[in-house]
Amino acid sequence: MDRTEFSTCFKVLEDTIAKKEQYLDEVLVLTKGQEELLLREKFSMDAFTEFMDKKEPYIKKISEFDAGFEAVFTKMKPEMETYKKEFEPRIRAIQQKIKTVLEKGAALCTLEEQNKARLEYCLKDKKQEIKNFKRSSQTVSSYYKNMSGSIADQSFFMDKKK
C-alpha cells in the first residue's frame, strides 16, 4: 500500500468515526426522549414505540460503520508502522475520537439499561391496572348476575288469603 492509498484509507476511517459519533448523538437524543416518557406520570407505549422506530435506522447504520471501520483498519494495520510518524497528529486525533465514541457508547448503554428497568416498572404497573380492572369487572358482573337471579326467584307479593 503506497502513501496515497494509505492516506485515502485513513480519510475513510476519519469520516466513518465522525459519522458514527453523529449517529450516536442522534440515538442518545432519542433515548433521552424515551427516558422523559418513562418518567412522566402518564406513560404512552405508542410514543415509546415511536422513539424505538426512529432509533432503529441509526443503530443499523452504526453497525455498518463499525464493520466498515474494522475492515479498513484491518487492511491498513500492516502499513501503520511505515506511516506512523507522518500521520502521527491524525492518528492521535482519531484515537481521541474513538475514545469519545466509546464514552458515548457507554453512556448510551447505561441510559438504555435504566430505561429498560423503568419500562419494566411501567409495564408492571399497567399489568396490575389491567388485573385490577378485570377483577372489578368480574365483581360487578357477578353482582348484577346475583341480583338479577335473586330478583327472579323472589316473590314480591304474597297472597295472604287462603
N, C-alpha and C. Protein backbone atom coordinates (compact mmCIF):
# COMPACT_ATOMS: atom_id res chain seq x y z
N MET A 1 0.85 -1.18 0.00
CA MET A 1 0.00 0.00 0.00
C MET A 1 0.90 1.23 0.00
N ASP A 2 0.69 2.08 -0.99
CA ASP A 2 1.50 3.29 -1.05
C ASP A 2 0.90 4.38 -0.16
N ARG A 3 1.60 5.51 -0.07
CA ARG A 3 1.22 6.60 0.81
C ARG A 3 -0.15 7.16 0.45
N THR A 4 -0.44 7.31 -0.82
CA THR A 4 -1.72 7.87 -1.27
C THR A 4 -2.88 6.97 -0.88
N GLU A 5 -2.71 5.67 -1.10
CA GLU A 5 -3.75 4.72 -0.73
C GLU A 5 -3.96 4.69 0.79
N PHE A 6 -2.83 4.76 1.52
CA PHE A 6 -2.91 4.78 2.97
C PHE A 6 -3.65 6.04 3.43
N SER A 7 -3.33 7.17 2.84
CA SER A 7 -3.97 8.44 3.18
C SER A 7 -5.48 8.38 2.89
N THR A 8 -5.84 7.78 1.78
CA THR A 8 -7.25 7.64 1.42
C THR A 8 -7.98 6.75 2.43
N CYS A 9 -7.35 5.65 2.78
CA CYS A 9 -7.95 4.74 3.78
C CYS A 9 -8.09 5.45 5.13
N PHE A 10 -7.08 6.23 5.48
CA PHE A 10 -7.13 6.94 6.75
C PHE A 10 -8.27 7.95 6.76
N LYS A 11 -8.48 8.60 5.64
CA LYS A 11 -9.59 9.56 5.50
C LYS A 11 -10.93 8.84 5.68
N VAL A 12 -11.03 7.62 5.14
CA VAL A 12 -12.25 6.82 5.31
C VAL A 12 -12.47 6.53 6.79
N LEU A 13 -11.41 6.18 7.52
CA LEU A 13 -11.53 5.94 8.96
C LEU A 13 -12.01 7.20 9.69
N GLU A 14 -11.42 8.33 9.34
CA GLU A 14 -11.81 9.58 9.99
C GLU A 14 -13.28 9.92 9.72
N ASP A 15 -13.69 9.77 8.48
CA ASP A 15 -15.09 10.06 8.11
C ASP A 15 -16.05 9.09 8.81
N THR A 16 -15.66 7.83 8.84
CA THR A 16 -16.52 6.81 9.45
C THR A 16 -16.71 7.06 10.93
N ILE A 17 -15.64 7.36 11.63
CA ILE A 17 -15.75 7.58 13.07
C ILE A 17 -16.53 8.86 13.36
N ALA A 18 -16.39 9.87 12.50
CA ALA A 18 -17.15 11.11 12.67
C ALA A 18 -18.65 10.86 12.46
N LYS A 19 -18.98 10.07 11.45
CA LYS A 19 -20.39 9.75 11.20
C LYS A 19 -20.96 8.90 12.33
N LYS A 20 -20.16 7.97 12.81
CA LYS A 20 -20.62 7.13 13.91
C LYS A 20 -20.93 7.99 15.13
N GLU A 21 -20.07 8.94 15.42
CA GLU A 21 -20.31 9.83 16.55
C GLU A 21 -21.60 10.64 16.35
N GLN A 22 -21.80 11.12 15.15
CA GLN A 22 -23.01 11.88 14.82
C GLN A 22 -24.26 11.02 15.04
N TYR A 23 -24.22 9.79 14.57
CA TYR A 23 -25.36 8.88 14.73
C TYR A 23 -25.58 8.49 16.19
N LEU A 24 -24.49 8.31 16.92
CA LEU A 24 -24.61 8.02 18.36
C LEU A 24 -25.28 9.19 19.08
N ASP A 25 -24.92 10.42 18.68
CA ASP A 25 -25.55 11.59 19.28
C ASP A 25 -27.06 11.57 19.03
N GLU A 26 -27.47 11.20 17.83
CA GLU A 26 -28.90 11.12 17.50
C GLU A 26 -29.59 10.06 18.34
N VAL A 27 -28.95 8.91 18.49
CA VAL A 27 -29.53 7.83 19.30
C VAL A 27 -29.62 8.27 20.76
N LEU A 28 -28.62 8.97 21.24
CA LEU A 28 -28.65 9.47 22.62
C LEU A 28 -29.82 10.43 22.84
N VAL A 29 -30.05 11.32 21.89
CA VAL A 29 -31.16 12.26 21.99
C VAL A 29 -32.49 11.50 22.05
N LEU A 30 -32.64 10.52 21.16
CA LEU A 30 -33.87 9.73 21.14
C LEU A 30 -34.04 8.91 22.42
N THR A 31 -32.95 8.37 22.92
CA THR A 31 -33.01 7.58 24.15
C THR A 31 -33.36 8.47 25.34
N LYS A 32 -32.86 9.69 25.36
CA LYS A 32 -33.23 10.63 26.42
C LYS A 32 -34.72 10.99 26.30
N GLY A 33 -35.21 11.04 25.08
CA GLY A 33 -36.65 11.26 24.88
C GLY A 33 -37.46 10.12 25.47
N GLN A 34 -36.98 8.91 25.28
CA GLN A 34 -37.65 7.74 25.89
C GLN A 34 -37.61 7.84 27.41
N GLU A 35 -36.48 8.28 27.93
CA GLU A 35 -36.35 8.43 29.38
C GLU A 35 -37.39 9.41 29.91
N GLU A 36 -37.55 10.54 29.22
CA GLU A 36 -38.54 11.54 29.64
C GLU A 36 -39.94 10.94 29.64
N LEU A 37 -40.25 10.16 28.62
CA LEU A 37 -41.56 9.49 28.56
C LEU A 37 -41.76 8.57 29.76
N LEU A 38 -40.73 7.83 30.08
CA LEU A 38 -40.82 6.86 31.17
C LEU A 38 -40.95 7.54 32.54
N LEU A 39 -40.47 8.77 32.63
CA LEU A 39 -40.53 9.49 33.90
C LEU A 39 -41.85 10.25 34.09
N ARG A 40 -42.63 10.37 33.02
CA ARG A 40 -43.92 11.05 33.12
C ARG A 40 -44.90 10.21 33.94
N GLU A 41 -45.88 10.92 34.48
CA GLU A 41 -46.90 10.22 35.26
C GLU A 41 -47.74 9.33 34.36
N LYS A 42 -48.08 9.83 33.18
CA LYS A 42 -48.86 9.04 32.22
C LYS A 42 -47.90 8.52 31.15
N PHE A 43 -47.70 7.23 31.14
CA PHE A 43 -46.80 6.59 30.18
C PHE A 43 -47.56 6.23 28.91
N SER A 44 -46.97 6.55 27.76
CA SER A 44 -47.58 6.22 26.47
C SER A 44 -46.70 5.21 25.74
N MET A 45 -47.20 4.00 25.61
CA MET A 45 -46.45 2.96 24.91
C MET A 45 -46.31 3.31 23.43
N ASP A 46 -47.32 3.95 22.85
CA ASP A 46 -47.25 4.34 21.44
C ASP A 46 -46.10 5.32 21.20
N ALA A 47 -45.98 6.31 22.06
CA ALA A 47 -44.90 7.29 21.93
C ALA A 47 -43.54 6.62 22.14
N PHE A 48 -43.47 5.71 23.09
CA PHE A 48 -42.23 4.98 23.35
C PHE A 48 -41.82 4.17 22.12
N THR A 49 -42.79 3.51 21.51
CA THR A 49 -42.53 2.70 20.32
C THR A 49 -42.08 3.59 19.16
N GLU A 50 -42.65 4.78 19.06
CA GLU A 50 -42.22 5.72 18.01
C GLU A 50 -40.73 6.02 18.14
N PHE A 51 -40.29 6.26 19.36
CA PHE A 51 -38.86 6.51 19.59
C PHE A 51 -38.03 5.30 19.15
N MET A 52 -38.50 4.11 19.47
CA MET A 52 -37.78 2.90 19.08
C MET A 52 -37.67 2.80 17.56
N ASP A 53 -38.76 3.10 16.88
CA ASP A 53 -38.76 3.05 15.42
C ASP A 53 -37.80 4.07 14.82
N LYS A 54 -37.71 5.25 15.44
CA LYS A 54 -36.80 6.29 14.96
C LYS A 54 -35.34 5.90 15.19
N LYS A 55 -35.07 5.17 16.28
CA LYS A 55 -33.70 4.78 16.61
C LYS A 55 -33.17 3.66 15.71
N GLU A 56 -34.05 2.82 15.25
CA GLU A 56 -33.64 1.62 14.52
C GLU A 56 -32.71 1.89 13.33
N PRO A 57 -33.05 2.84 12.42
CA PRO A 57 -32.13 3.06 11.29
C PRO A 57 -30.76 3.58 11.72
N TYR A 58 -30.73 4.40 12.78
CA TYR A 58 -29.45 4.90 13.28
C TYR A 58 -28.60 3.75 13.81
N ILE A 59 -29.22 2.86 14.54
CA ILE A 59 -28.49 1.72 15.12
C ILE A 59 -27.95 0.81 14.02
N LYS A 60 -28.74 0.59 12.98
CA LYS A 60 -28.27 -0.22 11.85
C LYS A 60 -27.06 0.44 11.18
N LYS A 61 -27.14 1.76 11.01
CA LYS A 61 -26.03 2.48 10.37
C LYS A 61 -24.78 2.41 11.23
N ILE A 62 -24.95 2.53 12.53
CA ILE A 62 -23.80 2.46 13.44
C ILE A 62 -23.12 1.10 13.30
N SER A 63 -23.89 0.04 13.19
CA SER A 63 -23.32 -1.30 12.99
C SER A 63 -22.56 -1.38 11.67
N GLU A 64 -23.12 -0.77 10.64
CA GLU A 64 -22.43 -0.74 9.34
C GLU A 64 -21.12 0.03 9.44
N PHE A 65 -21.15 1.17 10.17
CA PHE A 65 -19.92 1.95 10.35
C PHE A 65 -18.86 1.13 11.07
N ASP A 66 -19.29 0.40 12.10
CA ASP A 66 -18.34 -0.45 12.84
C ASP A 66 -17.70 -1.48 11.93
N ALA A 67 -18.52 -2.15 11.13
CA ALA A 67 -17.99 -3.19 10.23
C ALA A 67 -17.05 -2.58 9.19
N GLY A 68 -17.44 -1.44 8.63
CA GLY A 68 -16.59 -0.77 7.64
C GLY A 68 -15.29 -0.29 8.25
N PHE A 69 -15.36 0.29 9.42
CA PHE A 69 -14.17 0.77 10.11
C PHE A 69 -13.21 -0.38 10.35
N GLU A 70 -13.75 -1.48 10.85
CA GLU A 70 -12.93 -2.66 11.14
C GLU A 70 -12.25 -3.19 9.89
N ALA A 71 -12.99 -3.24 8.79
CA ALA A 71 -12.44 -3.76 7.53
C ALA A 71 -11.30 -2.88 7.01
N VAL A 72 -11.51 -1.58 7.04
CA VAL A 72 -10.48 -0.65 6.55
C VAL A 72 -9.27 -0.67 7.48
N PHE A 73 -9.51 -0.69 8.77
CA PHE A 73 -8.41 -0.70 9.73
C PHE A 73 -7.57 -1.97 9.57
N THR A 74 -8.23 -3.09 9.38
CA THR A 74 -7.52 -4.36 9.19
C THR A 74 -6.64 -4.30 7.95
N LYS A 75 -7.14 -3.67 6.91
CA LYS A 75 -6.38 -3.52 5.66
C LYS A 75 -5.16 -2.62 5.87
N MET A 76 -5.31 -1.59 6.71
CA MET A 76 -4.24 -0.61 6.91
C MET A 76 -3.20 -1.05 7.95
N LYS A 77 -3.59 -1.89 8.86
CA LYS A 77 -2.76 -2.22 10.02
C LYS A 77 -1.32 -2.62 9.67
N PRO A 78 -1.11 -3.48 8.65
CA PRO A 78 0.28 -3.85 8.34
C PRO A 78 1.16 -2.65 7.93
N GLU A 79 0.53 -1.62 7.38
CA GLU A 79 1.29 -0.44 6.91
C GLU A 79 1.35 0.67 7.96
N MET A 80 0.70 0.49 9.07
CA MET A 80 0.60 1.54 10.09
C MET A 80 1.98 1.98 10.58
N GLU A 81 2.86 1.04 10.82
CA GLU A 81 4.20 1.36 11.32
C GLU A 81 4.98 2.19 10.29
N THR A 82 4.81 1.87 9.02
CA THR A 82 5.53 2.58 7.95
C THR A 82 5.18 4.07 7.93
N TYR A 83 3.91 4.41 8.12
CA TYR A 83 3.46 5.80 8.00
C TYR A 83 3.15 6.45 9.35
N LYS A 84 3.56 5.80 10.43
CA LYS A 84 3.22 6.25 11.77
C LYS A 84 3.68 7.69 12.04
N LYS A 85 4.92 7.98 11.73
CA LYS A 85 5.46 9.32 12.00
C LYS A 85 4.76 10.39 11.18
N GLU A 86 4.56 10.10 9.92
CA GLU A 86 3.95 11.07 9.00
C GLU A 86 2.49 11.38 9.39
N PHE A 87 1.79 10.39 9.88
CA PHE A 87 0.36 10.55 10.19
C PHE A 87 0.09 10.70 11.70
N GLU A 88 1.17 10.91 12.47
CA GLU A 88 1.04 10.93 13.92
C GLU A 88 -0.04 11.87 14.45
N PRO A 89 -0.12 13.12 13.99
CA PRO A 89 -1.19 14.00 14.52
C PRO A 89 -2.60 13.48 14.17
N ARG A 90 -2.76 12.95 12.99
CA ARG A 90 -4.06 12.42 12.59
C ARG A 90 -4.39 11.14 13.36
N ILE A 91 -3.37 10.34 13.65
CA ILE A 91 -3.58 9.11 14.42
C ILE A 91 -4.04 9.48 15.83
N ARG A 92 -3.38 10.48 16.45
CA ARG A 92 -3.79 10.91 17.78
C ARG A 92 -5.21 11.46 17.77
N ALA A 93 -5.54 12.20 16.73
CA ALA A 93 -6.89 12.78 16.62
C ALA A 93 -7.95 11.68 16.49
N ILE A 94 -7.66 10.67 15.69
CA ILE A 94 -8.62 9.58 15.52
C ILE A 94 -8.71 8.74 16.79
N GLN A 95 -7.59 8.58 17.50
CA GLN A 95 -7.62 7.86 18.78
C GLN A 95 -8.51 8.60 19.78
N GLN A 96 -8.41 9.92 19.79
CA GLN A 96 -9.25 10.72 20.69
C GLN A 96 -10.72 10.60 20.30
N LYS A 97 -10.99 10.59 19.00
CA LYS A 97 -12.36 10.44 18.50
C LYS A 97 -12.92 9.08 18.89
N ILE A 98 -12.09 8.05 18.80
CA ILE A 98 -12.51 6.70 19.18
C ILE A 98 -12.85 6.67 20.68
N LYS A 99 -12.02 7.32 21.48
CA LYS A 99 -12.26 7.39 22.92
C LYS A 99 -13.60 8.08 23.20
N THR A 100 -13.86 9.17 22.51
CA THR A 100 -15.12 9.91 22.68
C THR A 100 -16.31 9.04 22.29
N VAL A 101 -16.18 8.32 21.17
CA VAL A 101 -17.25 7.45 20.70
C VAL A 101 -17.50 6.33 21.71
N LEU A 102 -16.45 5.77 22.26
CA LEU A 102 -16.60 4.71 23.27
C LEU A 102 -17.30 5.24 24.52
N GLU A 103 -16.95 6.45 24.93
CA GLU A 103 -17.60 7.05 26.10
C GLU A 103 -19.08 7.28 25.84
N LYS A 104 -19.41 7.76 24.64
CA LYS A 104 -20.82 7.97 24.29
C LYS A 104 -21.56 6.64 24.22
N GLY A 105 -20.89 5.63 23.70
CA GLY A 105 -21.50 4.30 23.64
C GLY A 105 -21.77 3.76 25.03
N ALA A 106 -20.84 3.97 25.95
CA ALA A 106 -21.03 3.52 27.33
C ALA A 106 -22.17 4.29 28.00
N ALA A 107 -22.24 5.60 27.76
CA ALA A 107 -23.32 6.41 28.32
C ALA A 107 -24.67 5.94 27.76
N LEU A 108 -24.68 5.61 26.48
CA LEU A 108 -25.90 5.12 25.85
C LEU A 108 -26.33 3.79 26.45
N CYS A 109 -25.38 2.89 26.66
CA CYS A 109 -25.70 1.59 27.27
C CYS A 109 -26.27 1.77 28.67
N THR A 110 -25.69 2.65 29.44
CA THR A 110 -26.17 2.91 30.80
C THR A 110 -27.59 3.45 30.77
N LEU A 111 -27.83 4.41 29.88
CA LEU A 111 -29.16 5.00 29.76
C LEU A 111 -30.18 3.97 29.29
N GLU A 112 -29.77 3.12 28.36
CA GLU A 112 -30.67 2.07 27.86
C GLU A 112 -31.03 1.09 28.99
N GLU A 113 -30.07 0.74 29.83
CA GLU A 113 -30.34 -0.16 30.95
C GLU A 113 -31.30 0.49 31.94
N GLN A 114 -31.10 1.77 32.22
CA GLN A 114 -32.01 2.47 33.12
C GLN A 114 -33.42 2.52 32.52
N ASN A 115 -33.50 2.81 31.22
CA ASN A 115 -34.79 2.86 30.56
C ASN A 115 -35.48 1.50 30.57
N LYS A 116 -34.69 0.46 30.40
CA LYS A 116 -35.24 -0.89 30.42
C LYS A 116 -35.88 -1.18 31.78
N ALA A 117 -35.18 -0.81 32.84
CA ALA A 117 -35.71 -1.03 34.19
C ALA A 117 -36.97 -0.20 34.41
N ARG A 118 -36.95 1.05 33.93
CA ARG A 118 -38.14 1.90 34.07
C ARG A 118 -39.32 1.36 33.26
N LEU A 119 -39.02 0.86 32.07
CA LEU A 119 -40.08 0.30 31.22
C LEU A 119 -40.70 -0.93 31.89
N GLU A 120 -39.86 -1.78 32.44
CA GLU A 120 -40.37 -2.96 33.14
C GLU A 120 -41.27 -2.54 34.30
N TYR A 121 -40.89 -1.49 35.00
CA TYR A 121 -41.70 -0.98 36.11
C TYR A 121 -43.04 -0.45 35.59
N CYS A 122 -43.00 0.33 34.50
CA CYS A 122 -44.23 0.87 33.91
C CYS A 122 -45.14 -0.26 33.43
N LEU A 123 -44.56 -1.25 32.80
CA LEU A 123 -45.36 -2.37 32.31
C LEU A 123 -45.95 -3.17 33.47
N LYS A 124 -45.20 -3.28 34.54
CA LYS A 124 -45.69 -3.98 35.72
C LYS A 124 -46.91 -3.24 36.28
N ASP A 125 -46.82 -1.91 36.33
CA ASP A 125 -47.96 -1.10 36.79
C ASP A 125 -49.16 -1.28 35.87
N LYS A 126 -48.92 -1.28 34.57
CA LYS A 126 -50.01 -1.46 33.60
C LYS A 126 -50.66 -2.83 33.77
N LYS A 127 -49.85 -3.85 33.97
CA LYS A 127 -50.39 -5.19 34.18
C LYS A 127 -51.25 -5.22 35.43
N GLN A 128 -50.80 -4.54 36.47
CA GLN A 128 -51.56 -4.51 37.72
C GLN A 128 -52.89 -3.77 37.51
N GLU A 129 -52.85 -2.66 36.74
CA GLU A 129 -54.07 -1.92 36.44
C GLU A 129 -55.05 -2.81 35.68
N ILE A 130 -54.55 -3.53 34.71
CA ILE A 130 -55.40 -4.42 33.91
C ILE A 130 -55.99 -5.51 34.80
N LYS A 131 -55.16 -6.07 35.66
CA LYS A 131 -55.62 -7.12 36.57
C LYS A 131 -56.72 -6.58 37.49
N ASN A 132 -56.50 -5.38 38.03
CA ASN A 132 -57.50 -4.76 38.91
C ASN A 132 -58.79 -4.46 38.16
N PHE A 133 -58.65 -3.99 36.93
CA PHE A 133 -59.83 -3.69 36.11
C PHE A 133 -60.63 -4.97 35.84
N LYS A 134 -59.93 -6.03 35.49
CA LYS A 134 -60.61 -7.31 35.23
C LYS A 134 -61.32 -7.79 36.49
N ARG A 135 -60.64 -7.67 37.62
CA ARG A 135 -61.23 -8.11 38.89
C ARG A 135 -62.48 -7.28 39.20
N SER A 136 -62.40 -5.97 39.01
CA SER A 136 -63.54 -5.10 39.26
C SER A 136 -64.69 -5.44 38.32
N SER A 137 -64.36 -5.66 37.05
CA SER A 137 -65.40 -6.01 36.07
C SER A 137 -66.07 -7.32 36.44
N GLN A 138 -65.28 -8.29 36.85
CA GLN A 138 -65.84 -9.58 37.25
C GLN A 138 -66.73 -9.43 38.48
N THR A 139 -66.31 -8.61 39.42
CA THR A 139 -67.09 -8.39 40.63
C THR A 139 -68.42 -7.73 40.31
N VAL A 140 -68.38 -6.70 39.48
CA VAL A 140 -69.60 -6.00 39.09
C VAL A 140 -70.51 -6.95 38.32
N SER A 141 -69.94 -7.69 37.40
CA SER A 141 -70.73 -8.64 36.61
C SER A 141 -71.37 -9.69 37.51
N SER A 142 -70.59 -10.19 38.43
CA SER A 142 -71.09 -11.20 39.37
C SER A 142 -72.21 -10.61 40.23
N TYR A 143 -72.05 -9.38 40.65
CA TYR A 143 -73.07 -8.71 41.46
C TYR A 143 -74.38 -8.61 40.67
N TYR A 144 -74.28 -8.14 39.42
CA TYR A 144 -75.50 -8.00 38.62
C TYR A 144 -76.15 -9.34 38.34
N LYS A 145 -75.35 -10.36 38.11
CA LYS A 145 -75.91 -11.69 37.88
C LYS A 145 -76.65 -12.17 39.13
N ASN A 146 -76.03 -11.99 40.27
CA ASN A 146 -76.65 -12.41 41.53
C ASN A 146 -77.93 -11.62 41.79
N MET A 147 -77.87 -10.35 41.53
CA MET A 147 -79.06 -9.51 41.78
C MET A 147 -80.19 -9.88 40.85
N SER A 148 -79.89 -10.08 39.58
CA SER A 148 -80.95 -10.42 38.64
C SER A 148 -81.50 -11.82 38.91
N GLY A 149 -80.65 -12.73 39.33
CA GLY A 149 -81.08 -14.09 39.66
C GLY A 149 -81.90 -14.12 40.92
N SER A 150 -81.54 -13.35 41.93
CA SER A 150 -82.28 -13.38 43.19
C SER A 150 -83.62 -12.67 43.06
N ILE A 151 -83.68 -11.69 42.21
CA ILE A 151 -84.94 -10.98 42.00
C ILE A 151 -85.93 -11.90 41.30
N ALA A 152 -85.49 -12.67 40.36
CA ALA A 152 -86.40 -13.57 39.64
C ALA A 152 -86.94 -14.66 40.55
N ASP A 153 -86.14 -15.08 41.51
CA ASP A 153 -86.57 -16.15 42.41
C ASP A 153 -87.51 -15.66 43.51
N GLN A 154 -87.46 -14.39 43.81
CA GLN A 154 -88.28 -13.87 44.91
C GLN A 154 -89.65 -13.45 44.42
N SER A 155 -90.57 -13.60 45.29
CA SER A 155 -91.93 -13.14 45.01
C SER A 155 -92.14 -11.87 45.82
N PHE A 156 -92.57 -10.82 45.17
CA PHE A 156 -92.76 -9.56 45.87
C PHE A 156 -94.12 -9.47 46.56
N PHE A 157 -95.08 -10.17 46.01
CA PHE A 157 -96.42 -10.11 46.57
C PHE A 157 -96.80 -11.48 47.06
N MET A 158 -97.28 -11.49 48.21
CA MET A 158 -97.77 -12.75 48.76
C MET A 158 -99.28 -12.63 48.96
N ASP A 159 -99.92 -13.61 48.57
CA ASP A 159 -101.37 -13.63 48.75
C ASP A 159 -101.64 -14.23 50.12
N LYS A 160 -102.20 -13.42 50.99
CA LYS A 160 -102.43 -13.88 52.35
C LYS A 160 -103.80 -14.56 52.50
N LYS A 161 -104.55 -14.59 51.45
CA LYS A 161 -105.82 -15.28 51.50
C LYS A 161 -105.62 -16.76 51.39
N LYS A 162 -106.48 -17.45 52.04
CA LYS A 162 -106.38 -18.90 51.96
C LYS A 162 -107.58 -19.47 51.33
